[in-house]
Amino acid sequence: MSDRQFVTKTGGLPLQQTASTSTARYHRLVSGAFLVDALVVAIALVFAQWIRFETPISGVGVPAEEGFTLADYIGHIALGVLLMMGALLNFRCYTRENLLSFTNTLKIVVKASFVWILAYLFLTLALKFDPPISRIFCLIGMGTIVTFLPIWRGLLWRFVGSEKNSKSLRQRALVVGWSDDFSKAVQTFADADDRPFDIVGVITPPDGHFQGDLPENMPVMGSYESLEALLQLRVCQMVIVADDALRSGNLMHVASICEKEMIEFKLVPTCFQVLLSGLHLESVGGIPILGISKLPLHSTVNRFLKRFVDIVGALFGLSLTAPIIALFGIMIYRESPGPIFYRQRRLGANGKIFDMIKLRSMKLDAEKTGVGWTVKDDPRCLKVGAFMRKWNIDEVPQFWNVLRGDMSLVGPRPERPELIENFKEEIPHYNARHNIKPGITGWAQVNGLRGDTDLSERIRFDLHYIENWNVIFDFQIMFLTFVKREGAC
C-alpha cells in the first residue's frame, strides 16, 4: 500500500473527519463561551448598579435624591461589557488551553478586571458621560464581575472537563521522532484534564531510529517520507518534532510541509532543561532566537514590587522582633558566653558573596573540625539553639540583610561557598537558583527541605519558585514558614 493510500480510523470515523468535527466543536464552544461571558458581565454590572443606587449605600457619595436608574446607566453598562470582553480577549481567555484550565481562567479574569476598571474609569471620565460615572459603582462592578464570571466559568469547566467534551477541544498531534525527555513530558501530562493535545501517533525520523523508547501503546503511523501524505489525509492538526538530532534541512522541510497543508508546527527544544516557562522567541535582525528571558522576576515592575514588599517587611520584622532578639540573645549568652550573632559567608544573586547574620544557635567551637551541614539532633546545637531552629527564630536578624538588599524575604536559601564549590559540576542546574536573591525562607524550606536533605530535590523546589513567582506566592510561603516546621533541627 502506498503512502497516499494510508488511512487510519478512530471510533469508526476517518481521521480527517474527526479533526474537522473537533475544530467545529471548538469554534462553537468559543462562540458560546464568549456570548455567555458577555451576558454574565452585563448581569454583574446591572447587579452592581442595583447595589449602588437601590440599596442603603445609595446615599454614600451622592445625595439619595440624585440616585440614577438602570435606564440612566445603560450606556455605562454597555461600555463596561465591551471593555471587559476586550480585556478577556487580550489575555487570550478563549484559547484551547485556557478553556481547559479553570486555574488559568481564574487568573485571567482577575487580571482582566484590574485592566477593566482602569480603562473604564479613564474612558468614562475622558468622554464626560452624562450622568457621570460613580467610582463606587466601578468598584462594586469589579467585585461582582470577579464573583459572577468564575462561578459561570466553573460550571463551564465542569462541562468541558468531561472526557467527551475535553477531547473535542484537544488538538490531534503527530510526533516526528521521539526522545526520553519528550517521553517523560508525555507521561506527566498524559492524564491531565487541561492538556492541549492528544498524540495520535509517531513517524520515524529520517535515519529510521528513535532517540528514546516508544510507549507500548504508541502507534507508528509511517516513515519520515510519508509525512506529507499523512498530512494531506488530515490525520492531525499539529506536528511536533521531538527529535533534536534532525538536521536543519529536515526541520525546514517539515515546517514547509506543515505550512502548505495548514497544519500547526511545533518544535521541542530539548537543549533547554530548566526554567522552561521563561522561554521566549525574539527576532534579531530577522533571525529567530530562542532563549530564557521571560521569567516573572525579569520584569522591572515585578522586581520593584518584590523589593517594596521586602523593605516594608524588613522594617516591620526588625521592629517586631527586636524584643525577641534581645531575649534570645540573653539566653544564648547565658548558655554559651560569647557573641550572640553569627556571621556566615553566603552565595547570593549572580554569585555575589555576602555576610548573612543569624542568632548563634551552636557552640562557639562548632566548626573547629571544619564546615559541615547541620543534621537532625545536631550535637553542636545549643539547647536554646535547637528551639530557635525549630521555630526559625535564629533567622530573624536576616531582616537586616533584606533591608541592605543582600537577601529577600522569600527565595532560595543561600548556601556557604565552601560547601557548594563543586555542586555546579555535580548537581544539574544547581547555579540556576542563583538567578534571584536568596531568601530568609523559601518554597523548599516550607516543604521540609532544609539542613541535611536531598539537595537535588531542594533545587527542584527552588526552580519551581523562580518560574512561578508572584507576590501572592511569597505571602503564602511566609505564612507556611510559621505553621510548617518539617526538617527543622
Protein backbone atom coordinates (compact mmCIF):
# COMPACT_ATOMS: atom_id res chain seq x y z
CA MET A 1 0.00 0.00 0.00
CA SER A 2 1.42 3.40 -0.97
CA ASP A 3 1.76 6.31 1.46
CA ARG A 4 -1.11 8.13 -0.23
CA GLN A 5 -3.38 5.11 0.28
CA PHE A 6 -2.66 5.10 4.02
CA VAL A 7 -5.89 5.60 6.02
CA THR A 8 -6.31 5.42 9.79
CA LYS A 9 -9.68 5.40 11.55
CA THR A 10 -10.68 6.43 15.05
CA GLY A 11 -14.01 5.42 16.53
CA GLY A 12 -15.29 4.42 13.08
CA LEU A 13 -14.62 7.85 11.55
CA PRO A 14 -11.80 8.79 9.20
CA LEU A 15 -9.22 10.96 10.94
CA GLN A 16 -9.81 13.90 8.62
CA GLN A 17 -13.50 13.87 9.58
CA THR A 18 -12.59 13.59 13.28
CA ALA A 19 -10.22 16.56 13.04
CA SER A 20 -12.81 18.64 11.19
CA THR A 21 -15.50 17.79 13.74
CA SER A 22 -13.14 18.67 16.61
CA THR A 23 -12.38 22.07 15.07
CA ALA A 24 -16.08 22.82 14.55
CA ARG A 25 -16.90 21.92 18.16
CA TYR A 26 -14.07 24.12 19.39
CA HIS A 27 -15.34 27.13 17.44
CA ARG A 28 -18.89 26.55 18.67
CA LEU A 29 -17.68 26.33 22.26
CA VAL A 30 -15.61 29.52 21.94
CA SER A 31 -18.57 31.38 20.42
CA GLY A 32 -20.91 30.14 23.15
CA ALA A 33 -18.44 30.91 25.96
CA PHE A 34 -17.88 34.42 24.60
CA LEU A 35 -21.60 35.21 24.35
CA VAL A 36 -22.40 33.85 27.82
CA ASP A 37 -19.37 35.69 29.29
CA ALA A 38 -20.74 38.93 27.85
CA LEU A 39 -24.18 38.17 29.31
CA VAL A 40 -22.70 37.36 32.73
CA VAL A 41 -20.66 40.60 32.74
CA ALA A 42 -23.80 42.56 31.83
CA ILE A 43 -25.75 40.88 34.67
CA ALA A 44 -22.89 41.61 37.07
CA LEU A 45 -22.90 45.30 36.14
CA VAL A 46 -26.71 45.53 36.37
CA PHE A 47 -26.45 43.98 39.82
CA ALA A 48 -23.71 46.48 40.72
CA GLN A 49 -25.96 49.32 39.60
CA TRP A 50 -28.77 47.98 41.78
CA ILE A 51 -26.45 47.70 44.80
CA ARG A 52 -25.07 51.19 44.26
CA PHE A 53 -28.31 53.08 43.72
CA GLU A 54 -31.15 50.91 45.05
CA THR A 55 -29.81 49.76 48.41
CA PRO A 56 -28.94 51.61 51.66
CA ILE A 57 -25.49 52.54 50.30
CA SER A 58 -27.15 54.71 47.62
CA GLY A 59 -26.66 57.77 49.83
CA VAL A 60 -22.89 57.30 50.00
CA GLY A 61 -21.04 59.84 47.86
CA VAL A 62 -24.15 61.46 46.31
CA PRO A 63 -27.43 62.66 47.85
CA ALA A 64 -30.07 59.95 47.85
CA GLU A 65 -32.40 62.00 45.62
CA GLU A 66 -29.71 62.03 42.90
CA GLY A 67 -29.61 58.26 42.59
CA PHE A 68 -29.60 57.04 38.99
CA THR A 69 -31.90 54.44 37.49
CA LEU A 70 -30.89 51.49 35.32
CA ALA A 71 -32.04 53.45 32.25
CA ASP A 72 -29.59 56.23 33.18
CA TYR A 73 -26.73 53.74 33.39
CA ILE A 74 -27.49 51.54 30.39
CA GLY A 75 -24.79 53.22 28.28
CA HIS A 76 -22.24 52.86 31.07
CA ILE A 77 -23.07 49.18 31.39
CA ALA A 78 -22.80 48.59 27.63
CA LEU A 79 -19.36 50.24 27.59
CA GLY A 80 -18.32 48.19 30.62
CA VAL A 81 -19.31 44.95 28.87
CA LEU A 82 -17.35 45.88 25.73
CA LEU A 83 -14.24 46.79 27.73
CA MET A 84 -14.35 43.61 29.81
CA MET A 85 -14.77 41.39 26.78
CA GLY A 86 -11.88 43.21 25.11
CA ALA A 87 -9.72 42.59 28.19
CA LEU A 88 -10.61 38.88 28.21
CA LEU A 89 -9.71 38.61 24.53
CA ASN A 90 -6.46 40.47 25.15
CA PHE A 91 -5.45 37.94 27.80
CA ARG A 92 -6.31 35.04 25.45
CA CYS A 93 -9.13 33.71 27.59
CA TYR A 94 -10.59 31.70 24.69
CA THR A 95 -7.64 29.57 23.65
CA ARG A 96 -7.90 25.80 23.96
CA GLU A 97 -5.51 25.57 26.89
CA ASN A 98 -7.29 28.30 28.87
CA LEU A 99 -10.74 26.86 28.21
CA LEU A 100 -9.48 23.53 29.54
CA SER A 101 -7.89 25.05 32.68
CA PHE A 102 -10.08 26.68 35.34
CA THR A 103 -6.97 27.96 37.16
CA ASN A 104 -5.79 29.79 34.05
CA THR A 105 -9.26 31.23 33.52
CA LEU A 106 -9.43 32.49 37.10
CA LYS A 107 -6.07 34.25 36.77
CA ILE A 108 -7.17 35.85 33.50
CA VAL A 109 -10.45 37.09 34.99
CA VAL A 110 -8.63 38.74 37.91
CA LYS A 111 -6.02 40.38 35.65
CA ALA A 112 -8.65 41.48 33.14
CA SER A 113 -10.79 43.02 35.88
CA PHE A 114 -7.93 45.25 37.05
CA VAL A 115 -7.29 46.40 33.48
CA TRP A 116 -11.03 46.86 33.03
CA ILE A 117 -11.57 49.18 35.99
CA LEU A 118 -8.65 51.43 34.99
CA ALA A 119 -9.76 51.63 31.36
CA TYR A 120 -13.41 52.06 32.39
CA LEU A 121 -12.74 54.98 34.73
CA PHE A 122 -10.41 56.66 32.23
CA LEU A 123 -12.81 56.43 29.28
CA THR A 124 -15.93 57.46 31.15
CA LEU A 125 -14.14 60.46 32.64
CA ALA A 126 -12.42 61.38 29.36
CA LEU A 127 -15.67 61.14 27.39
CA LYS A 128 -17.58 63.06 30.11
CA PHE A 129 -20.51 60.69 30.31
CA ASP A 130 -23.81 62.10 31.49
CA PRO A 131 -24.65 61.09 34.13
CA PRO A 132 -21.08 60.96 35.46
CA ILE A 133 -19.74 57.53 36.38
CA SER A 134 -19.78 56.57 40.04
CA ARG A 135 -16.41 55.30 41.24
CA ILE A 136 -18.20 53.28 43.91
CA PHE A 137 -20.26 51.65 41.13
CA CYS A 138 -16.99 50.77 39.33
CA LEU A 139 -15.55 49.11 42.45
CA ILE A 140 -18.77 47.20 43.09
CA GLY A 141 -18.87 46.22 39.42
CA MET A 142 -15.36 44.86 39.60
CA GLY A 143 -16.36 42.81 42.63
CA THR A 144 -19.50 41.39 41.01
CA ILE A 145 -17.63 40.54 37.80
CA VAL A 146 -14.87 38.73 39.73
CA THR A 147 -17.62 36.84 41.58
CA PHE A 148 -20.06 36.02 38.78
CA LEU A 149 -17.61 35.13 35.99
CA PRO A 150 -15.70 32.46 37.96
CA ILE A 151 -18.98 30.88 39.09
CA TRP A 152 -20.18 30.56 35.50
CA ARG A 153 -16.76 29.51 34.24
CA GLY A 154 -16.57 26.86 36.98
CA LEU A 155 -19.80 25.35 35.63
CA LEU A 156 -18.44 25.56 32.08
CA TRP A 157 -15.20 23.91 33.15
CA ARG A 158 -17.10 21.01 34.73
CA PHE A 159 -18.94 20.55 31.44
CA VAL A 160 -15.82 20.90 29.30
CA GLY A 161 -13.82 18.71 31.69
CA SER A 162 -15.75 15.57 30.79
CA GLU A 163 -13.69 13.29 28.56
CA LYS A 164 -16.11 13.57 25.65
CA ASN A 165 -16.07 17.35 25.60
CA SER A 166 -12.43 17.91 26.54
CA LYS A 167 -11.36 15.51 23.81
CA SER A 168 -13.08 17.68 21.23
CA LEU A 169 -11.11 20.68 22.49
CA ARG A 170 -7.73 18.99 22.37
CA GLN A 171 -5.83 19.06 19.11
CA ARG A 172 -4.61 15.87 17.45
CA ALA A 173 -0.82 15.81 17.28
CA LEU A 174 1.54 13.72 15.17
CA VAL A 175 5.08 13.43 16.54
CA VAL A 176 8.19 13.26 14.36
CA GLY A 177 10.82 11.19 16.17
CA TRP A 178 10.91 10.50 19.90
CA SER A 179 13.22 11.16 22.85
CA ASP A 180 13.44 10.18 26.50
CA ASP A 181 12.85 13.80 27.60
CA PHE A 182 9.72 14.04 25.47
CA SER A 183 8.56 10.68 26.81
CA LYS A 184 8.84 11.99 30.40
CA ALA A 185 6.82 15.07 29.46
CA VAL A 186 4.12 12.93 27.85
CA GLN A 187 3.89 10.76 30.97
CA THR A 188 3.48 13.91 33.08
CA PHE A 189 0.57 15.42 31.14
CA ALA A 190 -0.97 12.22 29.71
CA ASP A 191 -3.84 12.15 32.22
CA ALA A 192 -4.14 15.90 32.83
CA ASP A 193 -7.59 17.29 32.07
CA ASP A 194 -6.13 20.52 30.72
CA ARG A 195 -3.62 19.00 28.29
CA PRO A 196 -3.90 20.90 24.99
CA PHE A 197 -3.36 17.98 22.60
CA ASP A 198 -3.58 14.20 22.21
CA ILE A 199 -0.87 12.28 20.38
CA VAL A 200 -2.35 10.14 17.59
CA GLY A 201 0.96 8.52 16.68
CA VAL A 202 4.57 8.99 15.62
CA ILE A 203 6.56 8.76 12.43
CA THR A 204 10.15 7.60 12.24
CA PRO A 205 12.86 10.27 11.75
CA PRO A 206 14.94 10.35 8.52
CA ASP A 207 17.56 7.94 9.90
CA GLY A 208 14.84 5.45 10.89
CA HIS A 209 15.85 5.34 14.58
CA PHE A 210 14.09 6.83 17.60
CA GLN A 211 16.24 8.51 20.28
CA GLY A 212 14.14 7.01 23.06
CA ASP A 213 11.91 4.01 23.72
CA LEU A 214 8.34 4.39 22.48
CA PRO A 215 5.46 3.69 24.89
CA GLU A 216 3.90 0.29 24.23
CA ASN A 217 0.58 1.73 23.01
CA MET A 218 2.09 4.41 20.75
CA PRO A 219 1.33 3.64 17.07
CA VAL A 220 3.98 4.23 14.40
CA MET A 221 1.96 5.72 11.58
CA GLY A 222 4.61 5.86 8.90
CA SER A 223 8.08 6.98 7.91
CA TYR A 224 9.54 10.47 7.51
CA GLU A 225 8.88 10.19 3.77
CA SER A 226 5.16 9.55 4.40
CA LEU A 227 4.63 12.78 6.37
CA GLU A 228 3.19 14.82 3.51
CA ALA A 229 0.72 12.10 2.55
CA LEU A 230 -0.43 11.74 6.15
CA LEU A 231 -0.98 15.49 6.49
CA GLN A 232 -2.96 15.56 3.25
CA LEU A 233 -5.22 12.93 4.81
CA ARG A 234 -5.72 15.33 7.74
CA VAL A 235 -4.69 12.77 10.35
CA CYS A 236 -3.72 15.58 12.72
CA GLN A 237 -3.98 19.28 13.40
CA MET A 238 -0.44 19.68 14.74
CA VAL A 239 3.01 18.25 14.05
CA ILE A 240 5.54 18.12 16.90
CA VAL A 241 9.22 17.50 16.18
CA ALA A 242 10.61 15.73 19.26
CA ASP A 243 13.93 14.61 17.77
CA ASP A 244 16.71 17.16 18.38
CA ALA A 245 19.02 15.21 16.04
CA LEU A 246 17.09 16.34 12.96
CA ARG A 247 19.27 18.45 10.73
CA SER A 248 18.28 21.99 9.81
CA GLY A 249 17.29 20.95 6.30
CA ASN A 250 14.92 18.29 7.60
CA LEU A 251 13.33 20.74 10.05
CA MET A 252 12.80 23.26 7.27
CA HIS A 253 11.24 20.51 5.15
CA VAL A 254 8.79 19.52 7.92
CA ALA A 255 7.92 23.18 8.59
CA SER A 256 7.36 23.76 4.86
CA ILE A 257 5.01 20.77 4.55
CA CYS A 258 3.03 21.92 7.59
CA GLU A 259 2.74 25.41 6.11
CA LYS A 260 1.45 24.09 2.79
CA GLU A 261 -1.09 21.80 4.47
CA MET A 262 -2.12 24.46 7.04
CA ILE A 263 -1.02 22.29 9.98
CA GLU A 264 0.49 23.77 13.16
CA PHE A 265 4.23 23.14 13.50
CA LYS A 266 5.85 22.76 16.95
CA LEU A 267 9.44 22.07 17.91
CA VAL A 268 10.59 20.62 21.25
CA PRO A 269 13.84 22.46 22.15
CA THR A 270 15.43 19.73 24.26
CA CYS A 271 18.59 21.79 24.80
CA PHE A 272 16.58 23.68 27.46
CA GLN A 273 16.12 21.66 30.64
CA VAL A 274 15.12 24.20 33.32
CA LEU A 275 13.19 27.46 33.68
CA LEU A 276 11.17 26.46 30.64
CA SER A 277 8.32 28.85 31.41
CA GLY A 278 10.73 31.69 30.67
CA LEU A 279 11.46 30.56 27.12
CA HIS A 280 10.85 33.39 24.68
CA LEU A 281 11.29 33.68 20.95
CA GLU A 282 12.51 37.02 19.69
CA SER A 283 13.70 38.31 16.33
CA VAL A 284 17.15 39.88 15.98
CA GLY A 285 17.89 41.17 12.51
CA GLY A 286 15.20 38.90 11.12
CA ILE A 287 16.74 35.82 12.77
CA PRO A 288 14.56 33.98 15.36
CA ILE A 289 16.41 33.45 18.65
CA LEU A 290 15.04 31.25 21.43
CA GLY A 291 16.17 31.85 24.98
CA ILE A 292 15.13 32.17 28.64
CA SER A 293 14.18 35.81 29.02
CA LYS A 294 10.64 35.98 30.36
CA LEU A 295 10.74 34.75 33.94
CA PRO A 296 8.46 36.68 36.33
CA LEU A 297 11.33 38.47 38.08
CA HIS A 298 12.83 39.59 34.77
CA SER A 299 10.04 42.15 34.77
CA THR A 300 11.12 45.53 36.18
CA VAL A 301 7.66 46.06 37.68
CA ASN A 302 7.78 42.70 39.47
CA ARG A 303 11.31 43.38 40.75
CA PHE A 304 10.22 46.75 42.18
CA LEU A 305 7.14 45.15 43.72
CA LYS A 306 9.19 42.40 45.37
CA ARG A 307 11.74 44.94 46.62
CA PHE A 308 8.96 47.14 48.02
CA VAL A 309 7.48 44.19 49.92
CA ASP A 310 10.99 43.30 51.15
CA ILE A 311 11.68 46.78 52.52
CA VAL A 312 8.30 47.10 54.23
CA GLY A 313 8.53 43.56 55.57
CA ALA A 314 12.12 44.02 56.79
CA LEU A 315 11.30 47.25 58.65
CA PHE A 316 8.23 45.67 60.20
CA GLY A 317 10.15 42.49 61.01
CA LEU A 318 13.04 44.29 62.69
CA SER A 319 10.73 46.43 64.83
CA LEU A 320 8.58 43.44 65.78
CA THR A 321 11.43 41.04 66.54
CA ALA A 322 13.76 43.43 68.39
CA PRO A 323 12.48 42.23 71.82
CA ILE A 324 12.74 38.59 70.65
CA ILE A 325 16.33 39.10 69.51
CA ALA A 326 17.17 40.71 72.86
CA LEU A 327 15.51 37.90 74.86
CA PHE A 328 17.15 35.06 72.96
CA GLY A 329 20.44 36.95 72.88
CA ILE A 330 20.47 36.86 76.69
CA MET A 331 19.60 33.14 76.70
CA ILE A 332 22.36 32.38 74.17
CA TYR A 333 24.94 34.28 76.22
CA ARG A 334 23.91 32.55 79.46
CA GLU A 335 24.26 29.09 77.91
CA SER A 336 27.39 29.86 75.88
CA PRO A 337 29.13 33.17 76.69
CA GLY A 338 30.33 34.91 73.56
CA PRO A 339 28.88 36.71 70.55
CA ILE A 340 25.14 36.28 70.19
CA PHE A 341 25.22 36.95 66.45
CA TYR A 342 26.88 34.69 63.92
CA ARG A 343 28.05 35.89 60.51
CA GLN A 344 28.39 33.42 57.66
CA ARG A 345 29.69 34.00 54.15
CA ARG A 346 26.93 33.02 51.75
CA LEU A 347 26.50 32.98 48.00
CA GLY A 348 23.85 35.43 46.77
CA ALA A 349 22.29 36.51 43.49
CA ASN A 350 24.58 36.16 40.46
CA GLY A 351 27.34 34.66 42.62
CA LYS A 352 27.78 37.69 44.90
CA ILE A 353 29.27 36.86 48.33
CA PHE A 354 27.74 38.49 51.41
CA ASP A 355 27.73 38.06 55.19
CA MET A 356 24.47 36.58 56.45
CA ILE A 357 23.54 37.40 60.05
CA LYS A 358 21.93 34.83 62.35
CA LEU A 359 21.37 34.38 66.06
CA ARG A 360 24.05 31.92 67.12
CA SER A 361 22.41 28.53 67.62
CA MET A 362 25.58 26.44 68.05
CA LYS A 363 28.53 26.24 70.38
CA LEU A 364 31.49 28.56 69.74
CA ASP A 365 33.68 25.64 68.64
CA ALA A 366 31.04 24.09 66.36
CA GLU A 367 33.27 24.38 63.30
CA LYS A 368 36.66 23.63 64.79
CA THR A 369 36.84 20.50 62.61
CA GLY A 370 35.64 22.30 59.51
CA VAL A 371 32.47 23.47 57.84
CA GLY A 372 29.63 20.95 57.54
CA TRP A 373 25.90 20.63 57.05
CA THR A 374 23.60 20.75 60.05
CA VAL A 375 21.92 17.41 60.74
CA LYS A 376 18.92 16.26 62.75
CA ASP A 377 19.64 16.34 66.52
CA ASP A 378 23.00 18.00 65.77
CA PRO A 379 25.14 17.70 68.94
CA ARG A 380 26.73 21.07 68.16
CA CYS A 381 23.42 22.87 68.75
CA LEU A 382 22.81 24.76 71.98
CA LYS A 383 19.67 23.84 73.89
CA VAL A 384 18.18 27.23 73.10
CA GLY A 385 19.62 26.88 69.60
CA ALA A 386 17.60 23.75 68.88
CA PHE A 387 14.45 25.58 69.95
CA MET A 388 15.33 28.60 67.81
CA ARG A 389 16.00 26.49 64.75
CA LYS A 390 12.73 24.62 65.19
CA TRP A 391 10.82 27.89 65.15
CA ASN A 392 13.12 29.71 62.68
CA ILE A 393 13.94 32.28 65.38
CA ASP A 394 17.67 32.15 64.55
CA GLU A 395 16.83 33.62 61.13
CA VAL A 396 15.17 36.85 62.32
CA PRO A 397 18.33 39.04 62.24
CA GLN A 398 18.38 38.42 58.49
CA PHE A 399 15.76 41.15 58.17
CA TRP A 400 18.83 43.39 58.23
CA ASN A 401 20.24 41.52 55.22
CA VAL A 402 16.92 42.04 53.47
CA LEU A 403 16.97 45.76 54.24
CA ARG A 404 20.52 46.00 52.88
CA GLY A 405 19.44 44.32 49.66
CA ASP A 406 21.59 41.19 50.03
CA MET A 407 18.54 39.00 50.54
CA SER A 408 14.79 38.88 50.02
CA LEU A 409 12.08 37.81 52.44
CA VAL A 410 11.40 34.79 50.20
CA GLY A 411 13.74 32.99 47.84
CA PRO A 412 16.12 30.04 47.60
CA ARG A 413 18.12 29.68 50.80
CA PRO A 414 21.73 30.88 50.35
CA GLU A 415 24.49 28.28 50.74
CA ARG A 416 28.05 28.55 52.00
CA PRO A 417 30.56 28.89 49.13
CA GLU A 418 32.96 26.36 50.62
CA LEU A 419 30.22 23.70 50.81
CA ILE A 420 28.96 24.13 47.27
CA GLU A 421 32.20 24.71 45.38
CA ASN A 422 31.75 21.63 43.21
CA PHE A 423 27.96 21.47 43.15
CA LYS A 424 27.70 23.26 39.82
CA GLU A 425 29.61 20.33 38.29
CA GLU A 426 27.95 17.53 40.26
CA ILE A 427 24.30 18.61 40.50
CA PRO A 428 22.38 19.50 37.33
CA HIS A 429 21.03 23.05 37.16
CA TYR A 430 22.45 23.99 40.57
CA ASN A 431 23.53 27.52 39.68
CA ALA A 432 20.19 28.31 38.02
CA ARG A 433 18.86 29.01 41.53
CA HIS A 434 21.20 31.99 41.79
CA ASN A 435 19.19 33.93 39.21
CA ILE A 436 17.44 35.77 42.05
CA LYS A 437 18.25 36.97 45.56
CA PRO A 438 18.28 34.31 48.28
CA GLY A 439 15.58 34.47 50.94
CA ILE A 440 15.06 34.16 54.68
CA THR A 441 12.60 31.42 53.85
CA GLY A 442 11.73 29.58 50.65
CA TRP A 443 9.47 27.09 48.92
CA ALA A 444 11.89 24.23 49.58
CA GLN A 445 12.14 25.08 53.27
CA VAL A 446 8.39 25.12 53.93
CA ASN A 447 8.26 21.69 52.25
CA GLY A 448 10.73 20.28 54.80
CA LEU A 449 13.87 20.52 52.63
CA ARG A 450 16.48 22.19 54.83
CA GLY A 451 19.71 21.18 56.52
CA ASP A 452 20.90 17.65 55.67
CA THR A 453 18.29 16.85 53.00
CA ASP A 454 18.32 15.91 49.31
CA LEU A 455 19.94 18.88 47.59
CA SER A 456 18.67 17.91 44.14
CA GLU A 457 15.11 17.94 45.47
CA ARG A 458 15.69 21.33 47.10
CA ILE A 459 16.89 22.73 43.78
CA ARG A 460 13.77 21.39 42.06
CA PHE A 461 11.59 23.31 44.52
CA ASP A 462 13.75 26.45 44.18
CA LEU A 463 13.45 26.38 40.40
CA HIS A 464 9.69 25.90 40.67
CA TYR A 465 9.56 29.05 42.81
CA ILE A 466 11.65 31.06 40.32
CA GLU A 467 9.44 30.01 37.41
CA ASN A 468 6.14 30.60 39.21
CA TRP A 469 6.87 33.67 41.33
CA ASN A 470 4.13 36.08 42.18
CA VAL A 471 3.57 38.25 45.24
CA ILE A 472 0.71 36.02 46.49
CA PHE A 473 3.06 33.02 46.33
CA ASP A 474 5.53 34.96 48.51
CA PHE A 475 2.86 35.67 51.14
CA GLN A 476 1.79 32.01 51.05
CA ILE A 477 5.37 30.88 51.76
CA MET A 478 5.77 33.43 54.56
CA PHE A 479 2.59 32.12 56.19
CA LEU A 480 3.66 28.48 55.82
CA THR A 481 7.02 29.30 57.42
CA PHE A 482 5.23 29.74 60.75
CA VAL A 483 2.99 26.67 60.52
CA LYS A 484 5.24 24.07 58.84
CA ARG A 485 8.48 23.05 60.51
CA GLU A 486 9.42 19.78 58.77
CA GLY A 487 13.18 19.39 58.52
CA ALA A 488 13.97 21.85 61.31
CA CYS A 489 16.58 20.75 63.80
